[in-house]
Amino acid sequence: MRRIKLVLIGGGTGLSVLARGLKDYQIDITTIVTVSDDGGSTGKIRNEMDIPAPGDIRNVISALSETESTLEQLFQYRFKENQIEGHSLGNLLIAALTNITDDFGHAVKELSEILNIKGRVIPSTNASVRLNAVMEDGEVIYGESEIPKRNKRIKNVFLEPEDVEPMEEAVQALENADLIVMGPGSLYTSVISNLCVKGISEALLKCDAPKLYVSNVMTQPGETNGYTVLDHVNAIHNQIGEKCIDYALCGSQTYNNDVLERYKKDNAAPVKNDSEAMKRLGIKVFTHPDLIEISSEIYVRHNTEVLAKMIYEIALRETSTIQFKRNTDE
């Protein structure tokens, strides 16, 4: 029986959380991961070795591992002495394999096979790139970590160099996908950064698979201040020059003053669900009363199990595939 082929596009915490929720389903998961991060251990390794950013790759590999808890502790472990101070072991492993294989994409594939992960992790490009942004006032900001610091509205983002080639495996995965999911995660620096690789955006537009955008719950300071869900969708369309998103998955909850004040201190607010405006544009909107959960520390997050199930059911509906049983005791 043919398995559903799901392609996830993103980076940061959002992509790894989504991958973690979906790995219990009998589906083929391919993640296309951004490699433009320039902060922390990842930034140091990029500068010293001139390789693509390994940090987001590391997190997704950990999320798809069968031994996630132990592996996550190992991958996140940071050394405290001498030359490797501040580096996570996961980043160092990827860097070491890159040196051994002389190819970043091959190194990611090798590590994935060594750890026998449930899915494929593919960098959007095999090149070391820098993400830059053009702000609405015309200012150009260089470097992913610098973009939110200006606290200005973003017009568009671009990679440097601009003519980098996509990973061939990523293009093939998009061509063969049953459903393509973008987000959740930082709109410009995690999702759109992948689409800045020309071959990725071209493959996305050419493929027949429906495209689903998972909206963030809260706006991101310095990146999406004041954005609605439709603003997120329009930013993706503006970046690639054509409309492509068929579905949007977003929360519909209202929040008490404790939550609103908690995020107001960080210059963030709930992303408005302007579902009627999206429906008028032909975008199907999905939500669920339990999609969003609030932690004891008053952080608002997607409920990973609910989110994964919603995406799986959309994929089933699109492919008319008989539903598979999850690898659980349910």
Protein backbone atom coordinates (compact mmCIF):
# COMPACT_ATOMS: atom_id res chain seq x y z
CA MET A 1 0.00 0.00 0.00
CA ARG A 2 1.41 3.38 -1.03
CA ARG A 3 2.37 5.65 1.83
CA ILE A 4 1.47 9.33 1.87
CA LYS A 5 4.44 11.52 0.93
CA LEU A 6 4.58 14.62 3.10
CA VAL A 7 7.12 17.42 2.56
CA LEU A 8 7.71 19.93 5.35
CA ILE A 9 9.47 23.23 4.62
CA GLY A 10 10.88 25.37 7.40
CA GLY A 11 13.43 25.55 10.18
CA GLY A 12 13.87 26.54 13.77
CA THR A 13 11.76 25.09 16.58
CA GLY A 14 8.58 24.98 14.51
CA LEU A 15 9.79 22.43 11.98
CA SER A 16 11.29 20.08 14.56
CA VAL A 17 8.11 20.20 16.69
CA LEU A 18 5.93 19.39 13.67
CA ALA A 19 8.22 16.58 12.54
CA ARG A 20 8.13 15.12 16.04
CA GLY A 21 4.33 15.05 15.99
CA LEU A 22 4.07 13.45 12.55
CA LYS A 23 6.71 10.73 12.90
CA ASP A 24 4.29 8.33 14.64
CA TYR A 25 2.14 8.12 11.50
CA GLN A 26 2.82 5.63 8.74
CA ILE A 27 3.81 8.28 6.21
CA ASP A 28 6.95 9.26 4.34
CA ILE A 29 8.28 12.51 5.82
CA THR A 30 10.79 14.69 4.02
CA THR A 31 11.92 17.93 5.66
CA ILE A 32 13.52 20.71 3.63
CA VAL A 33 15.47 22.78 6.12
CA THR A 34 16.87 26.29 6.00
CA VAL A 35 20.64 26.72 6.36
CA SER A 36 20.97 30.50 6.75
CA ASP A 37 21.17 30.78 10.56
CA ASP A 38 24.19 32.82 11.62
CA GLY A 39 23.89 32.92 15.41
CA GLY A 40 25.49 31.01 18.31
CA SER A 41 27.39 27.78 17.73
CA THR A 42 25.97 27.51 14.22
CA GLY A 43 27.30 30.94 13.28
CA LYS A 44 30.76 30.16 14.62
CA ILE A 45 30.99 26.92 12.68
CA ARG A 46 29.74 28.64 9.52
CA ASN A 47 32.40 31.32 9.80
CA GLU A 48 35.24 28.95 10.60
CA MET A 49 34.41 26.20 8.08
CA ASP A 50 32.37 28.03 5.41
CA ILE A 51 29.62 25.40 5.49
CA PRO A 52 25.81 25.76 5.56
CA ALA A 53 24.28 26.34 8.99
CA PRO A 54 23.89 22.99 10.81
CA GLY A 55 21.72 24.07 13.78
CA ASP A 56 18.22 23.61 12.34
CA ILE A 57 19.34 20.40 10.61
CA ARG A 58 20.52 19.07 13.97
CA ASN A 59 17.19 19.80 15.64
CA VAL A 60 15.12 18.07 12.96
CA ILE A 61 17.35 14.98 12.92
CA SER A 62 16.93 14.77 16.69
CA ALA A 63 13.13 15.14 16.41
CA LEU A 64 12.89 12.30 13.87
CA SER A 65 15.16 9.95 15.81
CA GLU A 66 13.76 6.79 17.42
CA THR A 67 15.79 7.59 20.55
CA GLU A 68 14.80 11.23 20.62
CA SER A 69 15.13 11.96 24.34
CA THR A 70 18.67 10.63 24.70
CA LEU A 71 19.78 11.95 21.33
CA GLU A 72 18.38 15.40 22.04
CA GLN A 73 20.37 15.63 25.27
CA LEU A 74 23.48 14.51 23.41
CA PHE A 75 22.97 16.82 20.43
CA GLN A 76 22.25 19.84 22.61
CA TYR A 77 25.18 19.25 24.94
CA ARG A 78 27.56 22.21 24.81
CA PHE A 79 31.23 22.01 25.70
CA LYS A 80 32.63 24.51 28.18
CA GLU A 81 36.37 24.50 27.69
CA ASN A 82 39.05 25.45 25.17
CA GLN A 83 38.40 25.78 21.44
CA ILE A 84 35.08 23.96 21.33
CA GLU A 85 33.53 26.08 24.08
CA GLY A 86 29.89 26.90 23.32
CA HIS A 87 29.51 24.43 20.48
CA SER A 88 26.77 21.79 20.60
CA LEU A 89 27.85 18.22 19.95
CA GLY A 90 25.25 17.89 17.19
CA ASN A 91 26.76 20.80 15.27
CA LEU A 92 30.25 19.37 15.70
CA LEU A 93 29.14 15.96 14.41
CA ILE A 94 27.67 17.51 11.28
CA ALA A 95 30.78 19.64 10.80
CA ALA A 96 33.05 16.60 11.24
CA LEU A 97 31.07 14.54 8.73
CA THR A 98 31.17 17.46 6.30
CA ASN A 99 34.96 17.41 6.54
CA ILE A 100 35.04 13.64 6.07
CA THR A 101 32.66 13.55 3.09
CA ASP A 102 33.62 16.98 1.73
CA ASP A 103 29.91 17.61 1.15
CA PHE A 104 27.41 19.10 3.60
CA GLY A 105 24.32 17.48 2.06
CA HIS A 106 26.00 14.08 2.02
CA ALA A 107 27.07 14.56 5.64
CA VAL A 108 23.44 15.20 6.68
CA LYS A 109 22.34 12.07 4.81
CA GLU A 110 25.11 9.99 6.41
CA LEU A 111 24.23 11.14 9.94
CA SER A 112 20.53 10.48 9.29
CA GLU A 113 21.36 6.92 8.22
CA ILE A 114 23.66 6.35 11.18
CA LEU A 115 20.87 7.38 13.55
CA ASN A 116 18.17 5.54 11.56
CA ILE A 117 15.75 8.47 11.69
CA LYS A 118 12.10 8.18 10.60
CA GLY A 119 12.17 10.39 7.53
CA ARG A 120 14.57 12.41 5.42
CA VAL A 121 16.28 15.67 6.33
CA ILE A 122 17.48 17.70 3.36
CA PRO A 123 19.11 21.15 3.42
CA SER A 124 17.49 23.52 0.91
CA THR A 125 20.93 24.17 -0.57
CA ASN A 126 24.40 22.73 -0.21
CA ALA A 127 25.99 26.19 -0.19
CA SER A 128 26.89 28.48 2.67
CA VAL A 129 24.47 31.39 2.36
CA ARG A 130 23.59 34.59 4.17
CA LEU A 131 19.99 35.78 4.50
CA ASN A 132 19.45 39.50 3.97
CA ALA A 133 16.33 41.64 4.09
CA VAL A 134 15.04 44.70 2.29
CA MET A 135 12.88 46.74 4.63
CA GLU A 136 9.86 48.76 3.48
CA ASP A 137 11.82 51.99 3.98
CA GLY A 138 14.52 50.71 1.61
CA GLU A 139 17.16 49.81 4.17
CA VAL A 140 19.00 46.54 3.49
CA ILE A 141 19.88 44.38 6.51
CA TYR A 142 22.63 41.81 6.17
CA GLY A 143 22.53 38.58 8.18
CA GLU A 144 19.61 36.61 9.60
CA SER A 145 20.33 37.47 13.24
CA GLU A 146 20.36 41.20 12.44
CA ILE A 147 16.98 41.32 10.69
CA PRO A 148 14.69 41.34 13.78
CA LYS A 149 16.84 43.89 15.58
CA ARG A 150 15.72 46.75 13.30
CA ASN A 151 12.07 46.24 14.29
CA LYS A 152 10.90 47.41 10.87
CA ARG A 153 8.41 45.94 8.44
CA ILE A 154 10.09 43.61 5.92
CA LYS A 155 9.49 44.03 2.19
CA ASN A 156 11.33 40.89 1.07
CA VAL A 157 14.36 38.77 1.87
CA PHE A 158 17.10 37.35 -0.36
CA LEU A 159 20.11 35.08 -0.14
CA GLU A 160 23.73 35.96 -0.72
CA PRO A 161 24.91 34.57 -3.07
CA GLU A 162 21.56 34.65 -4.88
CA ASP A 163 22.27 32.01 -7.54
CA VAL A 164 22.78 28.98 -5.25
CA GLU A 165 21.53 25.63 -6.50
CA PRO A 166 18.93 23.63 -4.56
CA MET A 167 19.61 20.13 -3.31
CA GLU A 168 18.43 17.80 -6.05
CA GLU A 169 16.79 15.53 -3.46
CA ALA A 170 14.71 18.49 -2.24
CA VAL A 171 13.42 19.23 -5.74
CA GLN A 172 12.58 15.56 -6.29
CA ALA A 173 10.73 15.39 -2.98
CA LEU A 174 8.57 18.36 -3.98
CA GLU A 175 7.85 16.81 -7.38
CA ASN A 176 6.64 13.58 -5.74
CA ALA A 177 4.81 15.06 -2.74
CA ASP A 178 1.17 14.42 -1.85
CA LEU A 179 1.04 17.44 0.46
CA ILE A 180 3.50 20.27 1.10
CA VAL A 181 3.46 21.99 4.49
CA MET A 182 5.11 25.35 5.22
CA GLY A 183 5.48 26.47 8.83
CA PRO A 184 5.00 26.88 11.69
CA GLY A 185 8.10 28.93 12.48
CA SER A 186 9.65 32.29 11.78
CA LEU A 187 8.02 33.48 8.58
CA TYR A 188 10.99 35.07 6.86
CA THR A 189 14.00 33.45 8.52
CA SER A 190 12.70 29.85 8.71
CA VAL A 191 10.09 29.40 5.96
CA ILE A 192 10.70 32.00 3.24
CA SER A 193 14.49 31.61 3.53
CA ASN A 194 14.06 28.18 1.90
CA LEU A 195 11.97 29.68 -0.89
CA CYS A 196 14.76 32.16 -1.66
CA VAL A 197 16.60 29.22 -3.22
CA LYS A 198 15.30 29.71 -6.75
CA GLY A 199 15.07 26.02 -7.61
CA ILE A 200 13.00 25.33 -4.49
CA SER A 201 10.41 28.02 -5.25
CA GLU A 202 10.26 26.93 -8.90
CA ALA A 203 9.68 23.28 -7.93
CA LEU A 204 7.04 24.37 -5.41
CA LEU A 205 5.07 26.20 -8.09
CA LYS A 206 5.40 23.43 -10.68
CA CYS A 207 4.33 20.50 -8.52
CA ASP A 208 0.68 19.44 -8.37
CA ALA A 209 0.58 18.75 -4.63
CA PRO A 210 -1.62 21.07 -2.53
CA LYS A 211 0.22 23.53 -0.28
CA LEU A 212 -0.68 24.10 3.35
CA TYR A 213 0.53 26.97 5.53
CA VAL A 214 0.57 26.47 9.30
CA SER A 215 0.31 29.90 10.85
CA ASN A 216 2.27 30.98 13.89
CA VAL A 217 0.24 31.57 17.03
CA MET A 218 1.95 34.83 18.00
CA THR A 219 3.63 37.55 15.99
CA GLN A 220 7.41 37.62 16.08
CA PRO A 221 9.09 40.83 17.29
CA GLY A 222 10.98 42.57 14.52
CA GLU A 223 9.72 40.16 11.87
CA THR A 224 5.91 39.97 11.75
CA ASN A 225 4.68 42.76 14.05
CA GLY A 226 0.96 43.32 13.42
CA TYR A 227 0.68 40.47 10.88
CA THR A 228 -2.55 38.56 10.37
CA VAL A 229 -2.62 35.01 9.00
CA LEU A 230 -3.35 36.42 5.55
CA ASP A 231 -0.35 38.74 5.85
CA HIS A 232 1.82 35.64 6.41
CA VAL A 233 0.31 33.95 3.34
CA ASN A 234 0.72 37.09 1.21
CA ALA A 235 4.36 37.39 2.24
CA ILE A 236 5.01 33.89 0.87
CA HIS A 237 3.15 34.68 -2.35
CA ASN A 238 4.97 37.99 -2.78
CA GLN A 239 8.33 36.32 -2.27
CA ILE A 240 7.82 33.69 -4.98
CA GLY A 241 5.77 35.91 -7.28
CA GLU A 242 2.70 33.71 -7.55
CA LYS A 243 -0.19 32.44 -5.44
CA CYS A 244 0.23 28.84 -4.38
CA ILE A 245 -1.23 28.18 -0.92
CA ASP A 246 -4.42 26.13 -0.91
CA TYR A 247 -4.95 25.64 2.83
CA ALA A 248 -4.23 27.61 5.98
CA LEU A 249 -4.23 26.05 9.42
CA CYS A 250 -4.57 28.54 12.27
CA GLY A 251 -5.87 29.04 15.79
CA SER A 252 -9.13 30.75 16.69
CA GLN A 253 -8.68 31.12 20.43
CA THR A 254 -8.98 34.26 22.51
CA TYR A 255 -6.55 34.82 25.36
CA ASN A 256 -6.86 36.23 28.84
CA ASN A 257 -5.01 39.33 30.04
CA ASP A 258 -2.21 37.30 31.64
CA VAL A 259 -1.27 35.82 28.27
CA LEU A 260 -1.64 39.11 26.41
CA GLU A 261 0.46 41.00 28.95
CA ARG A 262 3.11 38.27 28.93
CA TYR A 263 3.58 38.66 25.18
CA LYS A 264 3.11 42.43 25.13
CA LYS A 265 6.29 42.73 27.20
CA ASP A 266 8.13 41.02 24.31
CA ASN A 267 6.42 43.21 21.70
CA ALA A 268 4.32 40.28 20.46
CA ALA A 269 0.58 39.66 20.09
CA PRO A 270 -1.78 36.97 18.80
CA VAL A 271 -1.81 36.48 15.02
CA LYS A 272 -5.32 37.50 13.91
CA ASN A 273 -7.24 34.74 12.14
CA ASP A 274 -8.78 36.65 9.23
CA SER A 275 -10.36 33.49 7.84
CA GLU A 276 -13.15 35.18 5.86
CA ALA A 277 -10.65 37.23 3.87
CA MET A 278 -8.67 34.08 3.09
CA LYS A 279 -11.77 32.15 2.05
CA ARG A 280 -12.64 34.94 -0.40
CA LEU A 281 -9.26 34.28 -2.02
CA GLY A 282 -10.05 30.57 -2.34
CA ILE A 283 -7.94 29.42 0.60
CA LYS A 284 -9.54 26.73 2.76
CA VAL A 285 -9.08 27.51 6.45
CA PHE A 286 -8.87 24.85 9.16
CA THR A 287 -8.82 25.26 12.92
CA HIS A 288 -9.54 23.22 16.05
CA PRO A 289 -10.64 24.20 19.58
CA ASP A 290 -7.64 22.37 21.08
CA LEU A 291 -5.05 23.43 18.52
CA ILE A 292 -3.46 25.91 20.93
CA GLU A 293 -2.27 25.19 24.46
CA ILE A 294 -0.90 27.43 27.19
CA SER A 295 1.96 26.24 29.37
CA SER A 296 2.31 26.83 33.11
CA GLU A 297 4.83 29.58 32.25
CA ILE A 298 2.10 31.29 30.15
CA TYR A 299 3.71 30.43 26.83
CA VAL A 300 1.32 29.81 23.94
CA ARG A 301 2.15 26.87 21.68
CA HIS A 302 0.60 24.54 19.13
CA ASN A 303 -0.69 21.30 20.59
CA THR A 304 1.65 19.02 18.65
CA GLU A 305 -0.66 15.98 18.64
CA VAL A 306 -3.67 17.96 17.44
CA LEU A 307 -1.61 19.78 14.81
CA ALA A 308 -0.12 16.55 13.45
CA LYS A 309 -3.50 14.84 13.31
CA MET A 310 -5.07 17.75 11.43
CA ILE A 311 -2.30 17.72 8.83
CA TYR A 312 -2.51 13.95 8.49
CA GLU A 313 -6.28 14.09 7.94
CA ILE A 314 -5.89 16.80 5.30
CA ALA A 315 -3.30 14.63 3.54
CA LEU A 316 -5.66 11.65 3.68
CA ARG A 317 -8.48 13.68 2.22
CA GLU A 318 -6.25 14.92 -0.59
CA THR A 319 -4.85 11.54 -1.51
CA SER A 320 -8.00 9.46 -0.84
CA THR A 321 -5.76 6.99 0.92
CA ILE A 322 -7.01 4.48 3.46
CA GLN A 323 -6.08 5.71 6.92
CA PHE A 324 -3.15 3.96 8.52
CA LYS A 325 -3.02 3.13 12.19
CA ARG A 326 -0.53 5.07 14.24
CA ASN A 327 2.38 3.36 15.91
CA THR A 328 0.81 3.74 19.30
CA ASP A 329 -1.24 1.68 21.69
CA GLU A 330 -4.35 3.74 21.03
